């Protein structure tokens, strides 16, 4: 009996030590209040953290947008690879292409998650909330595409961009309900969003920033791994890069902090 008690105490101490030393990410989260920038350190447990890759398609009717996706994708893939290696869950969400992935284990993994009841309804699209966030700082309604000559607005994409690896432990879904249920099943509390376009899908999808925030998740935007859909020929008549930065600031002020993608690849010192 005494030996069993000793062994039990040792096991408890071992579990406690393991819990204290649980792997975590240390994020440098940038936010805004009254247009003043602030940085806060967030400590996220790796096992409770997921990345959602939003609409990084293989093509787009707006060729400038498609070109920028190709420019972002290699940097994004490096972050995903490093984050995956330390245990961060990766969800690929190339909306409207689920048929391509129907027989993959990554797709089936999301579909088989136990259904969970969300605390608020999951909308098909989370529209701009002017009472909370005002108007967007860029005009994306008149003409969002910045091609010299804008082509026909038809679907050009079929799947996620091939520059992004889909690995065995990943998930694939464009369903807010599936993703929420999977997160609840896996104990995911923290969500990082990356992908395109920030003023549209990254904010508005049923797995986007607005919805994940309303579902009670801790959310951040990877500001160096996103892009807006904005034409400098529209208000406020700034460069495309400046328009994207205005959108990042909008998100930081009204919805969630932003980080750099590299923060998702490095473990915090255990002593913190």
C-alpha atoms as a PDB file:
ATOM      1  CA  UNK A   1       0.000   0.000   0.000  1.00  0.00           C
ATOM      2  CA  UNK A   2       2.791   2.413   0.980  1.00  0.00           C
ATOM      3  CA  UNK A   3       4.613   1.724  -2.291  1.00  0.00           C
ATOM      4  CA  UNK A   4       1.399   2.447  -4.237  1.00  0.00           C
ATOM      5  CA  UNK A   5       0.968   5.760  -2.399  1.00  0.00           C
ATOM      6  CA  UNK A   6       4.561   6.751  -3.162  1.00  0.00           C
ATOM      7  CA  UNK A   7       4.147   5.841  -6.798  1.00  0.00           C
ATOM      8  CA  UNK A   8       0.912   7.806  -6.907  1.00  0.00           C
ATOM      9  CA  UNK A   9       2.587  10.874  -5.422  1.00  0.00           C
ATOM     10  CA  UNK A  10       5.468  10.602  -7.881  1.00  0.00           C
ATOM     11  CA  UNK A  11       3.022  10.315 -10.779  1.00  0.00           C
ATOM     12  CA  UNK A  12       1.127  13.375  -9.564  1.00  0.00           C
ATOM     13  CA  UNK A  13       4.336  15.358  -9.199  1.00  0.00           C
ATOM     14  CA  UNK A  14       5.419  14.279 -12.670  1.00  0.00           C
ATOM     15  CA  UNK A  15       2.069  15.328 -14.135  1.00  0.00           C
ATOM     16  CA  UNK A  16       2.241  18.662 -12.340  1.00  0.00           C
ATOM     17  CA  UNK A  17       5.764  19.318 -13.601  1.00  0.00           C
ATOM     18  CA  UNK A  18       4.747  18.399 -17.139  1.00  0.00           C
ATOM     19  CA  UNK A  19       1.774  20.751 -16.868  1.00  0.00           C
ATOM     20  CA  UNK A  20       3.988  23.604 -15.653  1.00  0.00           C
ATOM     21  CA  UNK A  21       6.372  23.044 -18.547  1.00  0.00           C
ATOM     22  CA  UNK A  22       3.652  22.655 -21.186  1.00  0.00           C
ATOM     23  CA  UNK A  23       4.737  24.039 -24.510  1.00  0.00           C
ATOM     24  CA  UNK A  24       3.423  27.478 -25.369  1.00  0.00           C
ATOM     25  CA  UNK A  25       3.774  30.186 -27.978  1.00  0.00           C
ATOM     26  CA  UNK A  26       4.671  33.724 -27.003  1.00  0.00           C
ATOM     27  CA  UNK A  27       2.900  36.133 -29.346  1.00  0.00           C
ATOM     28  CA  UNK A  28       3.700  39.824 -29.721  1.00  0.00           C
ATOM     29  CA  UNK A  29       0.137  41.024 -30.195  1.00  0.00           C
ATOM     30  CA  UNK A  30      -0.404  44.516 -31.608  1.00  0.00           C
ATOM     31  CA  UNK A  31      -3.714  46.249 -30.954  1.00  0.00           C
ATOM     32  CA  UNK A  32      -5.163  49.762 -31.028  1.00  0.00           C
ATOM     33  CA  UNK A  33      -7.315  51.924 -28.826  1.00  0.00           C
ATOM     34  CA  UNK A  34      -8.259  55.427 -29.910  1.00  0.00           C
ATOM     35  CA  UNK A  35      -5.730  55.006 -32.743  1.00  0.00           C
ATOM     36  CA  UNK A  36      -2.889  54.451 -30.258  1.00  0.00           C
ATOM     37  CA  UNK A  37      -0.786  51.349 -30.884  1.00  0.00           C
ATOM     38  CA  UNK A  38      -0.016  48.938 -28.061  1.00  0.00           C
ATOM     39  CA  UNK A  39       1.816  45.621 -27.914  1.00  0.00           C
ATOM     40  CA  UNK A  40       0.923  42.866 -25.471  1.00  0.00           C
ATOM     41  CA  UNK A  41       2.567  39.493 -24.894  1.00  0.00           C
ATOM     42  CA  UNK A  42       0.128  36.597 -25.293  1.00  0.00           C
ATOM     43  CA  UNK A  43       1.062  33.131 -24.066  1.00  0.00           C
ATOM     44  CA  UNK A  44      -0.894  30.484 -25.972  1.00  0.00           C
ATOM     45  CA  UNK A  45      -0.685  26.774 -25.216  1.00  0.00           C
ATOM     46  CA  UNK A  46       0.340  24.929 -28.363  1.00  0.00           C
ATOM     47  CA  UNK A  47      -2.255  22.182 -27.905  1.00  0.00           C
ATOM     48  CA  UNK A  48      -4.994  24.821 -27.706  1.00  0.00           C
ATOM     49  CA  UNK A  49      -3.929  26.731 -30.830  1.00  0.00           C
ATOM     50  CA  UNK A  50      -4.959  26.462 -34.472  1.00  0.00           C
ATOM     51  CA  UNK A  51      -4.224  28.354 -37.677  1.00  0.00           C
ATOM     52  CA  UNK A  52      -6.955  28.862 -40.290  1.00  0.00           C
ATOM     53  CA  UNK A  53      -5.739  29.480 -43.848  1.00  0.00           C
ATOM     54  CA  UNK A  54      -8.476  31.472 -45.594  1.00  0.00           C
ATOM     55  CA  UNK A  55      -9.175  31.267 -49.332  1.00  0.00           C
ATOM     56  CA  UNK A  56      -5.621  30.928 -50.633  1.00  0.00           C
ATOM     57  CA  UNK A  57      -6.942  29.757 -53.991  1.00  0.00           C
ATOM     58  CA  UNK A  58      -5.028  28.675 -57.071  1.00  0.00           C
ATOM     59  CA  UNK A  59      -6.404  31.533 -59.192  1.00  0.00           C
ATOM     60  CA  UNK A  60      -8.681  34.574 -59.157  1.00  0.00           C
ATOM     61  CA  UNK A  61     -10.488  36.761 -61.676  1.00  0.00           C
ATOM     62  CA  UNK A  62      -8.374  39.659 -60.367  1.00  0.00           C
ATOM     63  CA  UNK A  63      -4.931  38.787 -61.674  1.00  0.00           C
ATOM     64  CA  UNK A  64      -3.168  41.219 -59.337  1.00  0.00           C
ATOM     65  CA  UNK A  65      -4.772  39.440 -56.390  1.00  0.00           C
ATOM     66  CA  UNK A  66      -3.743  36.042 -57.754  1.00  0.00           C
ATOM     67  CA  UNK A  67      -0.174  37.279 -58.185  1.00  0.00           C
ATOM     68  CA  UNK A  68      -0.001  38.503 -54.591  1.00  0.00           C
ATOM     69  CA  UNK A  69      -1.269  35.133 -53.326  1.00  0.00           C
ATOM     70  CA  UNK A  70       1.635  33.473 -55.137  1.00  0.00           C
ATOM     71  CA  UNK A  71       4.001  35.970 -53.499  1.00  0.00           C
ATOM     72  CA  UNK A  72       2.617  35.307 -50.009  1.00  0.00           C
ATOM     73  CA  UNK A  73       2.284  31.527 -50.298  1.00  0.00           C
ATOM     74  CA  UNK A  74       5.957  30.473 -49.892  1.00  0.00           C
ATOM     75  CA  UNK A  75       6.349  32.568 -46.730  1.00  0.00           C
ATOM     76  CA  UNK A  76       3.048  31.261 -45.424  1.00  0.00           C
ATOM     77  CA  UNK A  77       4.017  27.674 -46.156  1.00  0.00           C
ATOM     78  CA  UNK A  78       7.256  28.089 -44.195  1.00  0.00           C
ATOM     79  CA  UNK A  79       5.265  29.334 -41.191  1.00  0.00           C
ATOM     80  CA  UNK A  80       2.758  26.507 -41.487  1.00  0.00           C
ATOM     81  CA  UNK A  81       5.505  23.908 -41.715  1.00  0.00           C
ATOM     82  CA  UNK A  82       7.298  25.220 -38.630  1.00  0.00           C
ATOM     83  CA  UNK A  83       4.063  25.675 -36.640  1.00  0.00           C
ATOM     84  CA  UNK A  84       2.901  22.173 -37.556  1.00  0.00           C
ATOM     85  CA  UNK A  85       6.232  20.732 -36.433  1.00  0.00           C
ATOM     86  CA  UNK A  86       5.717  22.028 -32.896  1.00  0.00           C
ATOM     87  CA  UNK A  87       2.107  20.837 -32.705  1.00  0.00           C
ATOM     88  CA  UNK A  88      -0.073  23.713 -33.874  1.00  0.00           C
ATOM     89  CA  UNK A  89      -3.236  22.515 -35.649  1.00  0.00           C
ATOM     90  CA  UNK A  90      -3.569  23.690 -39.264  1.00  0.00           C
ATOM     91  CA  UNK A  91      -6.952  24.120 -40.971  1.00  0.00           C
ATOM     92  CA  UNK A  92      -7.032  24.791 -44.716  1.00  0.00           C
ATOM     93  CA  UNK A  93     -10.184  26.669 -45.754  1.00  0.00           C
ATOM     94  CA  UNK A  94     -10.238  27.208 -49.536  1.00  0.00           C
ATOM     95  CA  UNK A  95     -13.940  28.032 -49.705  1.00  0.00           C
ATOM     96  CA  UNK A  96     -16.064  26.438 -52.372  1.00  0.00           C
ATOM     97  CA  UNK A  97     -13.595  23.680 -53.280  1.00  0.00           C
ATOM     98  CA  UNK A  98     -14.497  20.944 -50.787  1.00  0.00           C
ATOM     99  CA  UNK A  99     -15.445  18.517 -53.574  1.00  0.00           C
ATOM    100  CA  UNK A 100     -11.782  18.349 -54.609  1.00  0.00           C
ATOM    101  CA  UNK A 101     -10.813  17.130 -51.132  1.00  0.00           C
ATOM    102  CA  UNK A 102     -13.839  14.885 -50.469  1.00  0.00           C
ATOM    103  CA  UNK A 103     -11.874  11.646 -50.084  1.00  0.00           C
ATOM    104  CA  UNK A 104      -8.890  12.996 -48.200  1.00  0.00           C
ATOM    105  CA  UNK A 105      -8.278  12.158 -44.531  1.00  0.00           C
ATOM    106  CA  UNK A 106      -7.948  15.886 -43.803  1.00  0.00           C
ATOM    107  CA  UNK A 107     -11.478  16.514 -45.079  1.00  0.00           C
ATOM    108  CA  UNK A 108     -12.958  13.459 -43.359  1.00  0.00           C
ATOM    109  CA  UNK A 109     -11.290  14.486 -40.095  1.00  0.00           C
ATOM    110  CA  UNK A 110     -13.335  17.678 -40.023  1.00  0.00           C
ATOM    111  CA  UNK A 111     -16.579  16.011 -41.074  1.00  0.00           C
ATOM    112  CA  UNK A 112     -16.308  13.362 -38.357  1.00  0.00           C
ATOM    113  CA  UNK A 113     -15.900  15.792 -35.466  1.00  0.00           C
ATOM    114  CA  UNK A 114     -18.597  15.536 -32.807  1.00  0.00           C
ATOM    115  CA  UNK A 115     -21.198  18.231 -33.395  1.00  0.00           C
ATOM    116  CA  UNK A 116     -20.995  20.978 -30.793  1.00  0.00           C
ATOM    117  CA  UNK A 117     -23.645  23.589 -29.997  1.00  0.00           C
ATOM    118  CA  UNK A 118     -22.150  27.063 -30.518  1.00  0.00           C
ATOM    119  CA  UNK A 119     -22.863  29.826 -27.959  1.00  0.00           C
ATOM    120  CA  UNK A 120     -24.109  32.089 -30.780  1.00  0.00           C
ATOM    121  CA  UNK A 121     -25.455  31.297 -34.264  1.00  0.00           C
ATOM    122  CA  UNK A 122     -22.813  30.669 -36.933  1.00  0.00           C
ATOM    123  CA  UNK A 123     -23.741  32.857 -39.890  1.00  0.00           C
ATOM    124  CA  UNK A 124     -23.169  32.007 -43.541  1.00  0.00           C
ATOM    125  CA  UNK A 125     -21.470  35.411 -43.750  1.00  0.00           C
ATOM    126  CA  UNK A 126     -20.619  37.928 -41.032  1.00  0.00           C
ATOM    127  CA  UNK A 127     -21.315  41.338 -42.541  1.00  0.00           C
ATOM    128  CA  UNK A 128     -19.836  44.687 -41.581  1.00  0.00           C
ATOM    129  CA  UNK A 129     -21.166  45.867 -38.217  1.00  0.00           C
ATOM    130  CA  UNK A 130     -21.219  49.643 -38.554  1.00  0.00           C
ATOM    131  CA  UNK A 131     -22.410  50.069 -34.973  1.00  0.00           C
ATOM    132  CA  UNK A 132     -19.277  48.305 -33.727  1.00  0.00           C
ATOM    133  CA  UNK A 133     -16.621  49.046 -36.304  1.00  0.00           C
ATOM    134  CA  UNK A 134     -17.892  51.907 -38.448  1.00  0.00           C
ATOM    135  CA  UNK A 135     -17.205  51.834 -42.163  1.00  0.00           C
ATOM    136  CA  UNK A 136     -14.182  50.132 -43.678  1.00  0.00           C
ATOM    137  CA  UNK A 137     -11.258  52.496 -44.279  1.00  0.00           C
ATOM    138  CA  UNK A 138     -11.079  51.514 -47.955  1.00  0.00           C
ATOM    139  CA  UNK A 139     -13.668  51.507 -50.735  1.00  0.00           C
ATOM    140  CA  UNK A 140     -14.030  47.880 -51.810  1.00  0.00           C
ATOM    141  CA  UNK A 141     -17.519  48.291 -53.266  1.00  0.00           C
ATOM    142  CA  UNK A 142     -16.963  50.541 -56.277  1.00  0.00           C
ATOM    143  CA  UNK A 143     -14.233  48.317 -57.763  1.00  0.00           C
ATOM    144  CA  UNK A 144     -11.980  46.198 -55.538  1.00  0.00           C
ATOM    145  CA  UNK A 145      -9.707  44.779 -58.251  1.00  0.00           C
ATOM    146  CA  UNK A 146      -6.572  46.777 -59.076  1.00  0.00           C
ATOM    147  CA  UNK A 147      -5.827  45.199 -62.454  1.00  0.00           C
ATOM    148  CA  UNK A 148      -5.058  47.805 -65.142  1.00  0.00           C
ATOM    149  CA  UNK A 149      -8.032  46.407 -67.049  1.00  0.00           C
ATOM    150  CA  UNK A 150     -10.460  44.459 -64.863  1.00  0.00           C
ATOM    151  CA  UNK A 151     -11.643  41.243 -66.467  1.00  0.00           C
ATOM    152  CA  UNK A 152     -14.919  39.395 -66.168  1.00  0.00           C
ATOM    153  CA  UNK A 153     -15.844  38.580 -62.576  1.00  0.00           C
ATOM    154  CA  UNK A 154     -16.152  34.837 -62.898  1.00  0.00           C
ATOM    155  CA  UNK A 155     -14.804  31.972 -60.832  1.00  0.00           C
ATOM    156  CA  UNK A 156     -11.231  31.120 -61.774  1.00  0.00           C
ATOM    157  CA  UNK A 157     -10.230  28.992 -58.776  1.00  0.00           C
ATOM    158  CA  UNK A 158     -10.595  25.246 -58.278  1.00  0.00           C
ATOM    159  CA  UNK A 159      -8.573  24.378 -55.191  1.00  0.00           C
ATOM    160  CA  UNK A 160      -6.028  25.733 -52.719  1.00  0.00           C
ATOM    161  CA  UNK A 161      -2.803  27.074 -54.173  1.00  0.00           C
ATOM    162  CA  UNK A 162      -0.321  24.240 -54.723  1.00  0.00           C
ATOM    163  CA  UNK A 163       2.454  26.260 -53.056  1.00  0.00           C
ATOM    164  CA  UNK A 164       0.844  25.429 -49.700  1.00  0.00           C
ATOM    165  CA  UNK A 165       1.462  21.917 -48.382  1.00  0.00           C
ATOM    166  CA  UNK A 166      -1.425  19.962 -46.878  1.00  0.00           C
ATOM    167  CA  UNK A 167       0.062  17.529 -44.361  1.00  0.00           C
ATOM    168  CA  UNK A 168      -1.392  14.449 -42.660  1.00  0.00           C
ATOM    169  CA  UNK A 169      -2.448  16.061 -39.335  1.00  0.00           C
ATOM    170  CA  UNK A 170      -4.153  19.041 -41.005  1.00  0.00           C
ATOM    171  CA  UNK A 171      -7.857  19.617 -41.536  1.00  0.00           C
ATOM    172  CA  UNK A 172      -9.771  20.892 -44.579  1.00  0.00           C
ATOM    173  CA  UNK A 173     -13.120  22.654 -44.251  1.00  0.00           C
ATOM    174  CA  UNK A 174     -14.993  25.795 -45.287  1.00  0.00           C
ATOM    175  CA  UNK A 175     -17.843  25.168 -42.840  1.00  0.00           C
ATOM    176  CA  UNK A 176     -18.106  27.297 -39.739  1.00  0.00           C
ATOM    177  CA  UNK A 177     -20.047  24.579 -37.968  1.00  0.00           C
ATOM    178  CA  UNK A 178     -17.506  21.864 -38.801  1.00  0.00           C
ATOM    179  CA  UNK A 179     -14.558  23.976 -37.760  1.00  0.00           C
ATOM    180  CA  UNK A 180     -16.187  25.037 -34.496  1.00  0.00           C
ATOM    181  CA  UNK A 181     -17.142  21.450 -33.652  1.00  0.00           C
ATOM    182  CA  UNK A 182     -13.629  20.234 -34.411  1.00  0.00           C
ATOM    183  CA  UNK A 183     -12.138  22.982 -32.250  1.00  0.00           C
ATOM    184  CA  UNK A 184     -14.416  22.083 -29.357  1.00  0.00           C
ATOM    185  CA  UNK A 185     -13.560  18.398 -29.718  1.00  0.00           C
ATOM    186  CA  UNK A 186      -9.824  19.141 -29.745  1.00  0.00           C
ATOM    187  CA  UNK A 187      -9.892  21.806 -27.042  1.00  0.00           C
ATOM    188  CA  UNK A 188      -8.828  24.608 -29.381  1.00  0.00           C
ATOM    189  CA  UNK A 189      -9.231  27.984 -27.686  1.00  0.00           C
ATOM    190  CA  UNK A 190      -6.867  30.139 -29.751  1.00  0.00           C
ATOM    191  CA  UNK A 191      -7.169  30.867 -33.468  1.00  0.00           C
ATOM    192  CA  UNK A 192      -4.782  32.666 -35.841  1.00  0.00           C
ATOM    193  CA  UNK A 193      -6.174  33.765 -39.205  1.00  0.00           C
ATOM    194  CA  UNK A 194      -4.103  34.218 -42.348  1.00  0.00           C
ATOM    195  CA  UNK A 195      -4.941  34.381 -46.029  1.00  0.00           C
ATOM    196  CA  UNK A 196      -7.081  36.587 -48.265  1.00  0.00           C
ATOM    197  CA  UNK A 197      -8.817  38.923 -48.510  1.00  0.00           C
ATOM    198  CA  UNK A 198      -8.731  40.771 -45.207  1.00  0.00           C
ATOM    199  CA  UNK A 199     -11.538  43.221 -45.969  1.00  0.00           C
ATOM    200  CA  UNK A 200     -13.748  40.426 -47.277  1.00  0.00           C
ATOM    201  CA  UNK A 201     -13.318  36.728 -46.505  1.00  0.00           C
ATOM    202  CA  UNK A 202     -10.822  36.875 -43.624  1.00  0.00           C
ATOM    203  CA  UNK A 203     -13.296  39.038 -41.718  1.00  0.00           C
ATOM    204  CA  UNK A 204     -16.593  37.730 -43.050  1.00  0.00           C
ATOM    205  CA  UNK A 205     -16.414  33.968 -43.593  1.00  0.00           C
ATOM    206  CA  UNK A 206     -18.214  31.692 -41.098  1.00  0.00           C
ATOM    207  CA  UNK A 207     -14.729  30.726 -39.860  1.00  0.00           C
ATOM    208  CA  UNK A 208     -13.371  34.282 -40.101  1.00  0.00           C
ATOM    209  CA  UNK A 209     -12.341  36.875 -37.550  1.00  0.00           C
ATOM    210  CA  UNK A 210     -15.804  38.262 -36.797  1.00  0.00           C
ATOM    211  CA  UNK A 211     -17.388  34.836 -36.276  1.00  0.00           C
ATOM    212  CA  UNK A 212     -14.521  33.291 -34.310  1.00  0.00           C
ATOM    213  CA  UNK A 213     -14.483  36.306 -32.002  1.00  0.00           C
ATOM    214  CA  UNK A 214     -18.228  35.989 -31.411  1.00  0.00           C
ATOM    215  CA  UNK A 215     -17.765  32.286 -30.642  1.00  0.00           C
ATOM    216  CA  UNK A 216     -15.484  33.238 -27.761  1.00  0.00           C
ATOM    217  CA  UNK A 217     -12.170  32.201 -29.281  1.00  0.00           C
ATOM    218  CA  UNK A 218      -9.006  34.182 -28.678  1.00  0.00           C
ATOM    219  CA  UNK A 219      -8.219  35.435 -32.171  1.00  0.00           C
ATOM    220  CA  UNK A 220      -5.235  37.064 -33.846  1.00  0.00           C
ATOM    221  CA  UNK A 221      -4.496  38.079 -37.424  1.00  0.00           C
ATOM    222  CA  UNK A 222      -1.143  37.245 -39.044  1.00  0.00           C
ATOM    223  CA  UNK A 223      -0.714  40.700 -40.555  1.00  0.00           C
ATOM    224  CA  UNK A 224       2.264  39.820 -42.762  1.00  0.00           C
ATOM    225  CA  UNK A 225       0.441  36.845 -44.290  1.00  0.00           C
ATOM    226  CA  UNK A 226      -2.686  38.552 -45.552  1.00  0.00           C
ATOM    227  CA  UNK A 227      -3.754  40.905 -48.317  1.00  0.00           C
ATOM    228  CA  UNK A 228      -6.677  43.172 -49.035  1.00  0.00           C
ATOM    229  CA  UNK A 229      -8.676  43.463 -52.212  1.00  0.00           C
ATOM    230  CA  UNK A 230      -8.348  47.164 -52.898  1.00  0.00           C
ATOM    231  CA  UNK A 231      -7.865  49.343 -55.957  1.00  0.00           C
ATOM    232  CA  UNK A 232      -5.822  52.531 -55.367  1.00  0.00           C
ATOM    233  CA  UNK A 233      -8.071  54.265 -57.892  1.00  0.00           C
ATOM    234  CA  UNK A 234     -10.751  54.197 -55.167  1.00  0.00           C
ATOM    235  CA  UNK A 235     -10.938  56.034 -51.838  1.00  0.00           C
ATOM    236  CA  UNK A 236      -8.800  56.793 -49.887  1.00  0.00           C
ATOM    237  CA  UNK A 237      -6.541  56.838 -52.988  1.00  0.00           C
ATOM    238  CA  UNK A 238      -3.498  55.267 -51.359  1.00  0.00           C
ATOM    239  CA  UNK A 239      -1.248  52.461 -52.581  1.00  0.00           C
ATOM    240  CA  UNK A 240      -2.477  48.890 -52.400  1.00  0.00           C
ATOM    241  CA  UNK A 241      -0.008  48.122 -49.589  1.00  0.00           C
ATOM    242  CA  UNK A 242      -1.171  51.195 -47.661  1.00  0.00           C
ATOM    243  CA  UNK A 243      -4.786  50.103 -48.138  1.00  0.00           C
ATOM    244  CA  UNK A 244      -3.974  46.701 -46.654  1.00  0.00           C
ATOM    245  CA  UNK A 245      -2.241  48.362 -43.699  1.00  0.00           C
ATOM    246  CA  UNK A 246      -5.348  50.491 -43.116  1.00  0.00           C
ATOM    247  CA  UNK A 247      -7.373  47.292 -42.973  1.00  0.00           C
ATOM    248  CA  UNK A 248      -4.935  45.717 -40.517  1.00  0.00           C
ATOM    249  CA  UNK A 249      -5.300  48.755 -38.266  1.00  0.00           C
ATOM    250  CA  UNK A 250      -9.083  48.527 -38.581  1.00  0.00           C
ATOM    251  CA  UNK A 251      -9.011  44.913 -37.387  1.00  0.00           C
ATOM    252  CA  UNK A 252      -6.599  45.741 -34.561  1.00  0.00           C
ATOM    253  CA  UNK A 253      -8.889  48.515 -33.344  1.00  0.00           C
ATOM    254  CA  UNK A 254     -12.266  46.800 -33.639  1.00  0.00           C
ATOM    255  CA  UNK A 255     -11.815  43.006 -33.632  1.00  0.00           C
ATOM    256  CA  UNK A 256      -8.543  41.404 -32.583  1.00  0.00           C
ATOM    257  CA  UNK A 257      -4.792  41.973 -32.269  1.00  0.00           C
ATOM    258  CA  UNK A 258      -2.351  41.194 -35.042  1.00  0.00           C
ATOM    259  CA  UNK A 259       0.951  39.339 -34.952  1.00  0.00           C
ATOM    260  CA  UNK A 260       3.671  38.393 -37.397  1.00  0.00           C
ATOM    261  CA  UNK A 261       3.466  34.836 -38.677  1.00  0.00           C
ATOM    262  CA  UNK A 262       6.841  33.916 -37.237  1.00  0.00           C
ATOM    263  CA  UNK A 263       5.351  34.178 -33.733  1.00  0.00           C
ATOM    264  CA  UNK A 264       3.430  30.985 -34.472  1.00  0.00           C
ATOM    265  CA  UNK A 265       6.632  29.029 -35.032  1.00  0.00           C
ATOM    266  CA  UNK A 266       8.579  29.629 -31.822  1.00  0.00           C
ATOM    267  CA  UNK A 267       8.082  28.179 -28.380  1.00  0.00           C
ATOM    268  CA  UNK A 268       8.083  30.499 -25.381  1.00  0.00           C
ATOM    269  CA  UNK A 269      10.851  30.061 -22.785  1.00  0.00           C
ATOM    270  CA  UNK A 270       9.661  27.660 -20.086  1.00  0.00           C
ATOM    271  CA  UNK A 271      10.683  30.037 -17.334  1.00  0.00           C
ATOM    272  CA  UNK A 272       8.049  32.634 -18.340  1.00  0.00           C
END
